[in-house]
C-alpha cells in the first residue's frame, strides 16, 4: 500500500482505533486495519507478532501499540 499503514491485530485491541484515526488525520495517510480472527489467518500473517503489528509502505514498523508520538518518531527514524 503506497503511503499507508497496515495494522494486524487481534480482537482484543479495538481501543487503539481512536489513536489510529488521529494518526491518519495528522499524517494524511490511509490506515488499513486487519483483524485476525482464525488460526489460519494468524499462521499466514506477514509477521510473527499477531496480536499487534504495524507496517508503513509495506515495511514492518513495530509490534508495539502506536500513538502519535511513537509513530512520528518511527517515521523519522525510517527516513519516510
Protein backbone atom coordinates (compact mmCIF):
# COMPACT_ATOMS: atom_id res chain seq x y z
CA UNK A 1 0.00 0.00 0.00
CA UNK A 2 1.56 3.28 -1.05
CA UNK A 3 1.79 5.94 1.66
CA UNK A 4 -0.29 3.97 4.10
CA UNK A 5 -0.11 1.98 7.24
CA UNK A 6 -1.32 -1.57 7.71
CA UNK A 7 -2.18 -2.93 11.10
CA UNK A 8 -2.62 -6.54 12.10
CA UNK A 9 -4.29 -7.06 15.47
CA UNK A 10 -6.33 -9.50 17.46
CA UNK A 11 -9.89 -8.61 18.51
CA UNK A 12 -8.73 -7.51 21.98
CA UNK A 13 -7.00 -4.38 20.66
CA UNK A 14 -10.08 -2.47 19.49
CA UNK A 15 -9.34 0.51 21.75
CA UNK A 16 -6.42 1.61 19.58
CA UNK A 17 -8.79 2.72 16.80
CA UNK A 18 -9.19 6.27 18.14
CA UNK A 19 -5.43 6.80 18.23
CA UNK A 20 -5.07 5.36 14.71
CA UNK A 21 -7.79 7.70 13.48
CA UNK A 22 -5.79 10.63 14.86
CA UNK A 23 -2.58 9.38 13.20
CA UNK A 24 -4.46 9.01 9.92
CA UNK A 25 -5.70 12.62 10.10
CA UNK A 26 -2.42 14.15 11.28
CA UNK A 27 -0.19 12.43 8.70
CA UNK A 28 -2.83 12.32 5.95
CA UNK A 29 -2.32 8.65 5.26
CA UNK A 30 -4.70 5.77 4.82
CA UNK A 31 -4.76 3.23 7.62
CA UNK A 32 -5.81 -0.32 6.87
CA UNK A 33 -6.87 -2.39 9.84
CA UNK A 34 -6.86 -6.16 9.52
CA UNK A 35 -8.41 -8.18 12.28
CA UNK A 36 -7.02 -11.69 12.67
CA UNK A 37 -9.81 -14.00 13.74
CA UNK A 38 -8.70 -17.51 12.81
CA UNK A 39 -5.72 -19.72 13.44
CA UNK A 40 -5.11 -19.89 9.70
CA UNK A 41 -5.01 -16.10 9.38
CA UNK A 42 -2.51 -15.93 12.24
CA UNK A 43 -0.34 -18.62 10.68
CA UNK A 44 -0.34 -16.81 7.32
CA UNK A 45 0.16 -13.28 8.68
CA UNK A 46 3.24 -11.42 7.39
CA UNK A 47 4.57 -11.14 10.95
CA UNK A 48 5.16 -13.34 13.96
CA UNK A 49 3.54 -10.69 16.16
CA UNK A 50 -0.10 -11.45 15.51
CA UNK A 51 -1.52 -9.56 18.49
CA UNK A 52 -0.43 -6.21 17.04
CA UNK A 53 1.88 -5.28 14.18
CA UNK A 54 2.21 -2.04 12.24
CA UNK A 55 3.59 -1.63 8.73
CA UNK A 56 4.22 1.54 6.73
CA UNK A 57 4.58 1.41 2.94
CA UNK A 58 4.88 -2.35 3.22
CA UNK A 59 7.74 -2.24 5.76
CA UNK A 60 7.38 -3.55 9.29
CA UNK A 61 7.47 -0.70 11.83
CA UNK A 62 6.71 -2.19 15.22
CA UNK A 63 4.83 -4.75 17.25
CA UNK A 64 4.12 -2.12 19.92
CA UNK A 65 0.82 -0.26 20.04
CA UNK A 66 1.26 3.06 18.26
CA UNK A 67 0.41 6.51 19.44
CA UNK A 68 1.01 9.81 17.64
CA UNK A 69 4.42 10.48 19.21
CA UNK A 70 5.71 6.96 18.62
CA UNK A 71 4.51 6.89 15.01
CA UNK A 72 6.19 10.24 14.30
CA UNK A 73 9.48 9.03 15.81
CA UNK A 74 9.39 5.76 13.85
CA UNK A 75 8.61 7.64 10.65
CA UNK A 76 11.56 9.98 11.15
CA UNK A 77 13.85 7.06 12.00
CA UNK A 78 12.81 5.18 8.87
CA UNK A 79 13.51 8.21 6.68
CA UNK A 80 9.98 8.31 5.21
